[in-house]
Amino acid sequence: MKRSTGEWQGTTFIVRLWQEPRESQEDEAVWRGTATHVQSGTERGIKDWDELKRFMQTWTQTRDLDR
């Protein structure tokens, strides 16, 4: 979104995270999620923080934020 004054540009994401059930108490917690770019409606499944970061970077570094 861009203000009419041109002072700043921004984009919005919705991130949903949940913990997958563990088979046993000794198993490490596994988190999964989805990330949605609000302006475009694009949604992606997330398996780790790096994947979330890459998804968000596609909208903040290589695309016009006015979309």
PDB file of N, CA and C in Angstrom:
ATOM      1  N   MET A   1       0.846  -1.175   0.000  1.00  0.00           N
ATOM      2  CA  MET A   1       0.000   0.000   0.000  1.00  0.00           C
ATOM      3  C   MET A   1       0.887   1.233   0.000  1.00  0.00           C
ATOM      4  N   LYS A   2       0.464   2.224  -0.708  1.00  0.00           N
ATOM      5  CA  LYS A   2       1.241   3.447  -0.761  1.00  0.00           C
ATOM      6  C   LYS A   2       0.347   4.610  -0.376  1.00  0.00           C
ATOM      7  N   ARG A   3       0.809   5.415   0.536  1.00  0.00           N
ATOM      8  CA  ARG A   3       0.060   6.622   0.896  1.00  0.00           C
ATOM      9  C   ARG A   3       0.078   7.592  -0.271  1.00  0.00           C
ATOM     10  N   SER A   4      -0.962   8.370  -0.367  1.00  0.00           N
ATOM     11  CA  SER A   4      -1.060   9.325  -1.473  1.00  0.00           C
ATOM     12  C   SER A   4       0.053  10.367  -1.419  1.00  0.00           C
ATOM     13  N   THR A   5       0.630  10.583  -0.245  1.00  0.00           N
ATOM     14  CA  THR A   5       1.706  11.570  -0.140  1.00  0.00           C
ATOM     15  C   THR A   5       3.030  10.995  -0.610  1.00  0.00           C
ATOM     16  N   GLY A   6       3.090   9.680  -0.844  1.00  0.00           N
ATOM     17  CA  GLY A   6       4.317   9.059  -1.305  1.00  0.00           C
ATOM     18  C   GLY A   6       5.377   8.925  -0.227  1.00  0.00           C
ATOM     19  N   GLU A   7       5.013   9.102   1.041  1.00  0.00           N
ATOM     20  CA  GLU A   7       5.991   9.061   2.118  1.00  0.00           C
ATOM     21  C   GLU A   7       6.530   7.665   2.393  1.00  0.00           C
ATOM     22  N   TRP A   8       5.708   6.643   2.230  1.00  0.00           N
ATOM     23  CA  TRP A   8       6.156   5.290   2.543  1.00  0.00           C
ATOM     24  C   TRP A   8       5.387   4.276   1.727  1.00  0.00           C
ATOM     25  N   GLN A   9       5.960   3.104   1.621  1.00  0.00           N
ATOM     26  CA  GLN A   9       5.296   1.985   0.973  1.00  0.00           C
ATOM     27  C   GLN A   9       5.313   0.824   1.952  1.00  0.00           C
ATOM     28  N   GLY A  10       4.323  -0.012   1.893  1.00  0.00           N
ATOM     29  CA  GLY A  10       4.277  -1.169   2.773  1.00  0.00           C
ATOM     30  C   GLY A  10       3.479  -2.278   2.131  1.00  0.00           C
ATOM     31  N   THR A  11       3.576  -3.438   2.707  1.00  0.00           N
ATOM     32  CA  THR A  11       2.821  -4.589   2.263  1.00  0.00           C
ATOM     33  C   THR A  11       2.400  -5.372   3.499  1.00  0.00           C
ATOM     34  N   THR A  12       1.379  -6.198   3.368  1.00  0.00           N
ATOM     35  CA  THR A  12       0.813  -6.880   4.524  1.00  0.00           C
ATOM     36  C   THR A  12       0.823  -8.385   4.309  1.00  0.00           C
ATOM     37  N   PHE A  13       1.180  -9.108   5.371  1.00  0.00           N
ATOM     38  CA  PHE A  13       1.181 -10.556   5.364  1.00  0.00           C
ATOM     39  C   PHE A  13       0.349 -11.067   6.540  1.00  0.00           C
ATOM     40  N   ILE A  14      -0.302 -12.199   6.327  1.00  0.00           N
ATOM     41  CA  ILE A  14      -0.935 -12.930   7.422  1.00  0.00           C
ATOM     42  C   ILE A  14      -0.140 -14.224   7.568  1.00  0.00           C
ATOM     43  N   VAL A  15       0.349 -14.485   8.768  1.00  0.00           N
ATOM     44  CA  VAL A  15       1.125 -15.693   9.035  1.00  0.00           C
ATOM     45  C   VAL A  15       0.384 -16.506  10.086  1.00  0.00           C
ATOM     46  N   ARG A  16       0.110 -17.762   9.763  1.00  0.00           N
ATOM     47  CA  ARG A  16      -0.544 -18.679  10.700  1.00  0.00           C
ATOM     48  C   ARG A  16       0.436 -19.806  11.006  1.00  0.00           C
ATOM     49  N   LEU A  17       0.665 -20.065  12.282  1.00  0.00           N
ATOM     50  CA  LEU A  17       1.582 -21.112  12.702  1.00  0.00           C
ATOM     51  C   LEU A  17       0.860 -22.087  13.624  1.00  0.00           C
ATOM     52  N   TRP A  18       1.231 -23.360  13.513  1.00  0.00           N
ATOM     53  CA  TRP A  18       0.699 -24.364  14.423  1.00  0.00           C
ATOM     54  C   TRP A  18       1.767 -25.417  14.670  1.00  0.00           C
ATOM     55  N   GLN A  19       1.616 -26.109  15.788  1.00  0.00           N
ATOM     56  CA  GLN A  19       2.554 -27.164  16.133  1.00  0.00           C
ATOM     57  C   GLN A  19       1.948 -28.502  15.744  1.00  0.00           C
ATOM     58  N   GLU A  20       2.709 -29.262  14.978  1.00  0.00           N
ATOM     59  CA  GLU A  20       2.258 -30.586  14.559  1.00  0.00           C
ATOM     60  C   GLU A  20       2.272 -31.524  15.769  1.00  0.00           C
ATOM     61  N   PRO A  21       1.335 -32.477  15.820  1.00  0.00           N
ATOM     62  CA  PRO A  21       1.344 -33.444  16.922  1.00  0.00           C
ATOM     63  C   PRO A  21       2.632 -34.270  16.910  1.00  0.00           C
ATOM     64  N   ARG A  22       3.144 -34.558  18.096  1.00  0.00           N
ATOM     65  CA  ARG A  22       4.341 -35.382  18.227  1.00  0.00           C
ATOM     66  C   ARG A  22       3.940 -36.833  18.433  1.00  0.00           C
ATOM     67  N   GLU A  23       4.733 -37.737  17.866  1.00  0.00           N
ATOM     68  CA  GLU A  23       4.465 -39.155  18.056  1.00  0.00           C
ATOM     69  C   GLU A  23       4.797 -39.578  19.479  1.00  0.00           C
ATOM     70  N   SER A  24       5.822 -38.951  20.063  1.00  0.00           N
ATOM     71  CA  SER A  24       6.166 -39.231  21.455  1.00  0.00           C
ATOM     72  C   SER A  24       6.690 -37.948  22.093  1.00  0.00           C
ATOM     73  N   GLN A  25       6.732 -37.908  23.410  1.00  0.00           N
ATOM     74  CA  GLN A  25       7.192 -36.712  24.129  1.00  0.00           C
ATOM     75  C   GLN A  25       8.664 -36.410  23.849  1.00  0.00           C
ATOM     76  N   GLU A  26       9.430 -37.437  23.450  1.00  0.00           N
ATOM     77  CA  GLU A  26      10.849 -37.244  23.170  1.00  0.00           C
ATOM     78  C   GLU A  26      11.091 -36.567  21.824  1.00  0.00           C
ATOM     79  N   ASP A  27      10.120 -36.607  20.934  1.00  0.00           N
ATOM     80  CA  ASP A  27      10.264 -35.981  19.616  1.00  0.00           C
ATOM     81  C   ASP A  27      10.302 -34.461  19.743  1.00  0.00           C
ATOM     82  N   GLU A  28      11.128 -33.848  18.916  1.00  0.00           N
ATOM     83  CA  GLU A  28      11.213 -32.392  18.911  1.00  0.00           C
ATOM     84  C   GLU A  28       9.939 -31.795  18.309  1.00  0.00           C
ATOM     85  N   ALA A  29       9.530 -30.659  18.816  1.00  0.00           N
ATOM     86  CA  ALA A  29       8.338 -29.983  18.294  1.00  0.00           C
ATOM     87  C   ALA A  29       8.573 -29.570  16.845  1.00  0.00           C
ATOM     88  N   VAL A  30       7.557 -29.764  16.015  1.00  0.00           N
ATOM     89  CA  VAL A  30       7.621 -29.374  14.609  1.00  0.00           C
ATOM     90  C   VAL A  30       6.533 -28.332  14.366  1.00  0.00           C
ATOM     91  N   TRP A  31       6.962 -27.192  13.862  1.00  0.00           N
ATOM     92  CA  TRP A  31       6.028 -26.116  13.553  1.00  0.00           C
ATOM     93  C   TRP A  31       5.819 -26.037  12.052  1.00  0.00           C
ATOM     94  N   ARG A  32       4.601 -25.782  11.670  1.00  0.00           N
ATOM     95  CA  ARG A  32       4.224 -25.580  10.263  1.00  0.00           C
ATOM     96  C   ARG A  32       3.366 -24.319  10.202  1.00  0.00           C
ATOM     97  N   GLY A  33       3.106 -23.883   8.982  1.00  0.00           N
ATOM     98  CA  GLY A  33       2.281 -22.699   8.864  1.00  0.00           C
ATOM     99  C   GLY A  33       1.937 -22.354   7.436  1.00  0.00           C
ATOM    100  N   THR A  34       1.224 -21.261   7.305  1.00  0.00           N
ATOM    101  CA  THR A  34       0.941 -20.674   6.010  1.00  0.00           C
ATOM    102  C   THR A  34       1.216 -19.179   6.103  1.00  0.00           C
ATOM    103  N   ALA A  35       1.629 -18.628   4.989  1.00  0.00           N
ATOM    104  CA  ALA A  35       1.824 -17.185   4.889  1.00  0.00           C
ATOM    105  C   ALA A  35       1.031 -16.710   3.692  1.00  0.00           C
ATOM    106  N   THR A  36       0.319 -15.617   3.868  1.00  0.00           N
ATOM    107  CA  THR A  36      -0.492 -15.039   2.795  1.00  0.00           C
ATOM    108  C   THR A  36      -0.069 -13.598   2.571  1.00  0.00           C
ATOM    109  N   HIS A  37       0.190 -13.255   1.318  1.00  0.00           N
ATOM    110  CA  HIS A  37       0.425 -11.861   0.945  1.00  0.00           C
ATOM    111  C   HIS A  37      -0.954 -11.271   0.675  1.00  0.00           C
ATOM    112  N   VAL A  38      -1.366 -10.342   1.515  1.00  0.00           N
ATOM    113  CA  VAL A  38      -2.746  -9.846   1.497  1.00  0.00           C
ATOM    114  C   VAL A  38      -3.100  -9.177   0.176  1.00  0.00           C
ATOM    115  N   GLN A  39      -2.250  -8.337  -0.346  1.00  0.00           N
ATOM    116  CA  GLN A  39      -2.586  -7.580  -1.548  1.00  0.00           C
ATOM    117  C   GLN A  39      -2.835  -8.481  -2.757  1.00  0.00           C
ATOM    118  N   SER A  40      -2.101  -9.586  -2.867  1.00  0.00           N
ATOM    119  CA  SER A  40      -2.259 -10.460  -4.030  1.00  0.00           C
ATOM    120  C   SER A  40      -3.095 -11.700  -3.743  1.00  0.00           C
ATOM    121  N   GLY A  41      -3.220 -12.057  -2.467  1.00  0.00           N
ATOM    122  CA  GLY A  41      -3.920 -13.284  -2.112  1.00  0.00           C
ATOM    123  C   GLY A  41      -3.057 -14.530  -2.241  1.00  0.00           C
ATOM    124  N   THR A  42      -1.784 -14.358  -2.589  1.00  0.00           N
ATOM    125  CA  THR A  42      -0.882 -15.493  -2.740  1.00  0.00           C
ATOM    126  C   THR A  42      -0.607 -16.123  -1.385  1.00  0.00           C
ATOM    127  N   GLU A  43      -0.763 -17.458  -1.305  1.00  0.00           N
ATOM    128  CA  GLU A  43      -0.543 -18.180  -0.056  1.00  0.00           C
ATOM    129  C   GLU A  43       0.498 -19.270  -0.270  1.00  0.00           C
ATOM    130  N   ARG A  44       1.318 -19.493   0.738  1.00  0.00           N
ATOM    131  CA  ARG A  44       2.346 -20.528   0.649  1.00  0.00           C
ATOM    132  C   ARG A  44       2.437 -21.279   1.972  1.00  0.00           C
ATOM    133  N   GLY A  45       2.601 -22.590   1.876  1.00  0.00           N
ATOM    134  CA  GLY A  45       2.854 -23.403   3.059  1.00  0.00           C
ATOM    135  C   GLY A  45       4.272 -23.147   3.557  1.00  0.00           C
ATOM    136  N   ILE A  46       4.427 -23.117   4.873  1.00  0.00           N
ATOM    137  CA  ILE A  46       5.715 -22.789   5.480  1.00  0.00           C
ATOM    138  C   ILE A  46       6.175 -23.962   6.346  1.00  0.00           C
ATOM    139  N   LYS A  47       7.437 -24.369   6.137  1.00  0.00           N
ATOM    140  CA  LYS A  47       8.007 -25.461   6.934  1.00  0.00           C
ATOM    141  C   LYS A  47       9.090 -24.980   7.892  1.00  0.00           C
ATOM    142  N   ASP A  48       9.674 -23.809   7.608  1.00  0.00           N
ATOM    143  CA  ASP A  48      10.710 -23.279   8.500  1.00  0.00           C
ATOM    144  C   ASP A  48      10.832 -21.763   8.299  1.00  0.00           C
ATOM    145  N   TRP A  49      11.622 -21.134   9.169  1.00  0.00           N
ATOM    146  CA  TRP A  49      11.747 -19.681   9.139  1.00  0.00           C
ATOM    147  C   TRP A  49      12.377 -19.191   7.842  1.00  0.00           C
ATOM    148  N   ASP A  50      13.321 -19.946   7.313  1.00  0.00           N
ATOM    149  CA  ASP A  50      13.961 -19.525   6.061  1.00  0.00           C
ATOM    150  C   ASP A  50      12.958 -19.483   4.914  1.00  0.00           C
ATOM    151  N   GLU A  51      12.052 -20.437   4.890  1.00  0.00           N
ATOM    152  CA  GLU A  51      11.028 -20.458   3.841  1.00  0.00           C
ATOM    153  C   GLU A  51      10.096 -19.249   3.974  1.00  0.00           C
ATOM    154  N   LEU A  52       9.730 -18.913   5.213  1.00  0.00           N
ATOM    155  CA  LEU A  52       8.899 -17.727   5.451  1.00  0.00           C
ATOM    156  C   LEU A  52       9.642 -16.473   4.992  1.00  0.00           C
ATOM    157  N   LYS A  53      10.896 -16.384   5.341  1.00  0.00           N
ATOM    158  CA  LYS A  53      11.704 -15.218   4.945  1.00  0.00           C
ATOM    159  C   LYS A  53      11.775 -15.089   3.423  1.00  0.00           C
ATOM    160  N   ARG A  54      12.038 -16.199   2.731  1.00  0.00           N
ATOM    161  CA  ARG A  54      12.114 -16.153   1.257  1.00  0.00           C
ATOM    162  C   ARG A  54      10.788 -15.711   0.648  1.00  0.00           C
ATOM    163  N   PHE A  55       9.673 -16.223   1.170  1.00  0.00           N
ATOM    164  CA  PHE A  55       8.359 -15.835   0.655  1.00  0.00           C
ATOM    165  C   PHE A  55       8.145 -14.334   0.822  1.00  0.00           C
ATOM    166  N   MET A  56       8.439 -13.829   2.007  1.00  0.00           N
ATOM    167  CA  MET A  56       8.233 -12.396   2.258  1.00  0.00           C
ATOM    168  C   MET A  56       9.181 -11.539   1.413  1.00  0.00           C
ATOM    169  N   GLN A  57      10.384 -12.028   1.181  1.00  0.00           N
ATOM    170  CA  GLN A  57      11.329 -11.262   0.364  1.00  0.00           C
ATOM    171  C   GLN A  57      10.874 -11.150  -1.082  1.00  0.00           C
ATOM    172  N   THR A  58      10.131 -12.137  -1.580  1.00  0.00           N
ATOM    173  CA  THR A  58       9.657 -12.032  -2.965  1.00  0.00           C
ATOM    174  C   THR A  58       8.753 -10.822  -3.142  1.00  0.00           C
ATOM    175  N   TRP A  59       8.086 -10.417  -2.073  1.00  0.00           N
ATOM    176  CA  TRP A  59       7.177  -9.269  -2.164  1.00  0.00           C
ATOM    177  C   TRP A  59       7.813  -7.970  -1.714  1.00  0.00           C
ATOM    178  N   THR A  60       8.887  -8.039  -0.964  1.00  0.00           N
ATOM    179  CA  THR A  60       9.472  -6.806  -0.437  1.00  0.00           C
ATOM    180  C   THR A  60      10.746  -6.388  -1.144  1.00  0.00           C
ATOM    181  N   GLN A  61      11.361  -7.285  -1.931  1.00  0.00           N
ATOM    182  CA  GLN A  61      12.608  -6.922  -2.593  1.00  0.00           C
ATOM    183  C   GLN A  61      12.517  -6.905  -4.114  1.00  0.00           C
ATOM    184  N   THR A  62      11.617  -7.697  -4.704  1.00  0.00           N
ATOM    185  CA  THR A  62      11.643  -7.809  -6.155  1.00  0.00           C
ATOM    186  C   THR A  62      10.335  -7.407  -6.819  1.00  0.00           C
ATOM    187  N   ARG A  63       9.345  -7.012  -6.050  1.00  0.00           N
ATOM    188  CA  ARG A  63       8.063  -6.653  -6.657  1.00  0.00           C
ATOM    189  C   ARG A  63       7.651  -5.249  -6.250  1.00  0.00           C
ATOM    190  N   ASP A  64       6.880  -4.634  -7.090  1.00  0.00           N
ATOM    191  CA  ASP A  64       6.340  -3.314  -6.815  1.00  0.00           C
ATOM    192  C   ASP A  64       5.331  -3.439  -5.681  1.00  0.00           C
ATOM    193  N   LEU A  65       5.522  -2.681  -4.615  1.00  0.00           N
ATOM    194  CA  LEU A  65       4.647  -2.784  -3.461  1.00  0.00           C
ATOM    195  C   LEU A  65       3.268  -2.184  -3.680  1.00  0.00           C
ATOM    196  N   ASP A  66       3.077  -1.484  -4.790  1.00  0.00           N
ATOM    197  CA  ASP A  66       1.755  -0.919  -5.085  1.00  0.00           C
ATOM    198  C   ASP A  66       0.769  -1.961  -5.585  1.00  0.00           C
ATOM    199  N   ARG A  67       1.175  -3.156  -5.836  1.00  0.00           N
ATOM    200  CA  ARG A  67       0.310  -4.204  -6.398  1.00  0.00           C
ATOM    201  C   ARG A  67      -0.800  -4.559  -5.457  1.00  0.00           C
TER     202      ARG A  67
END
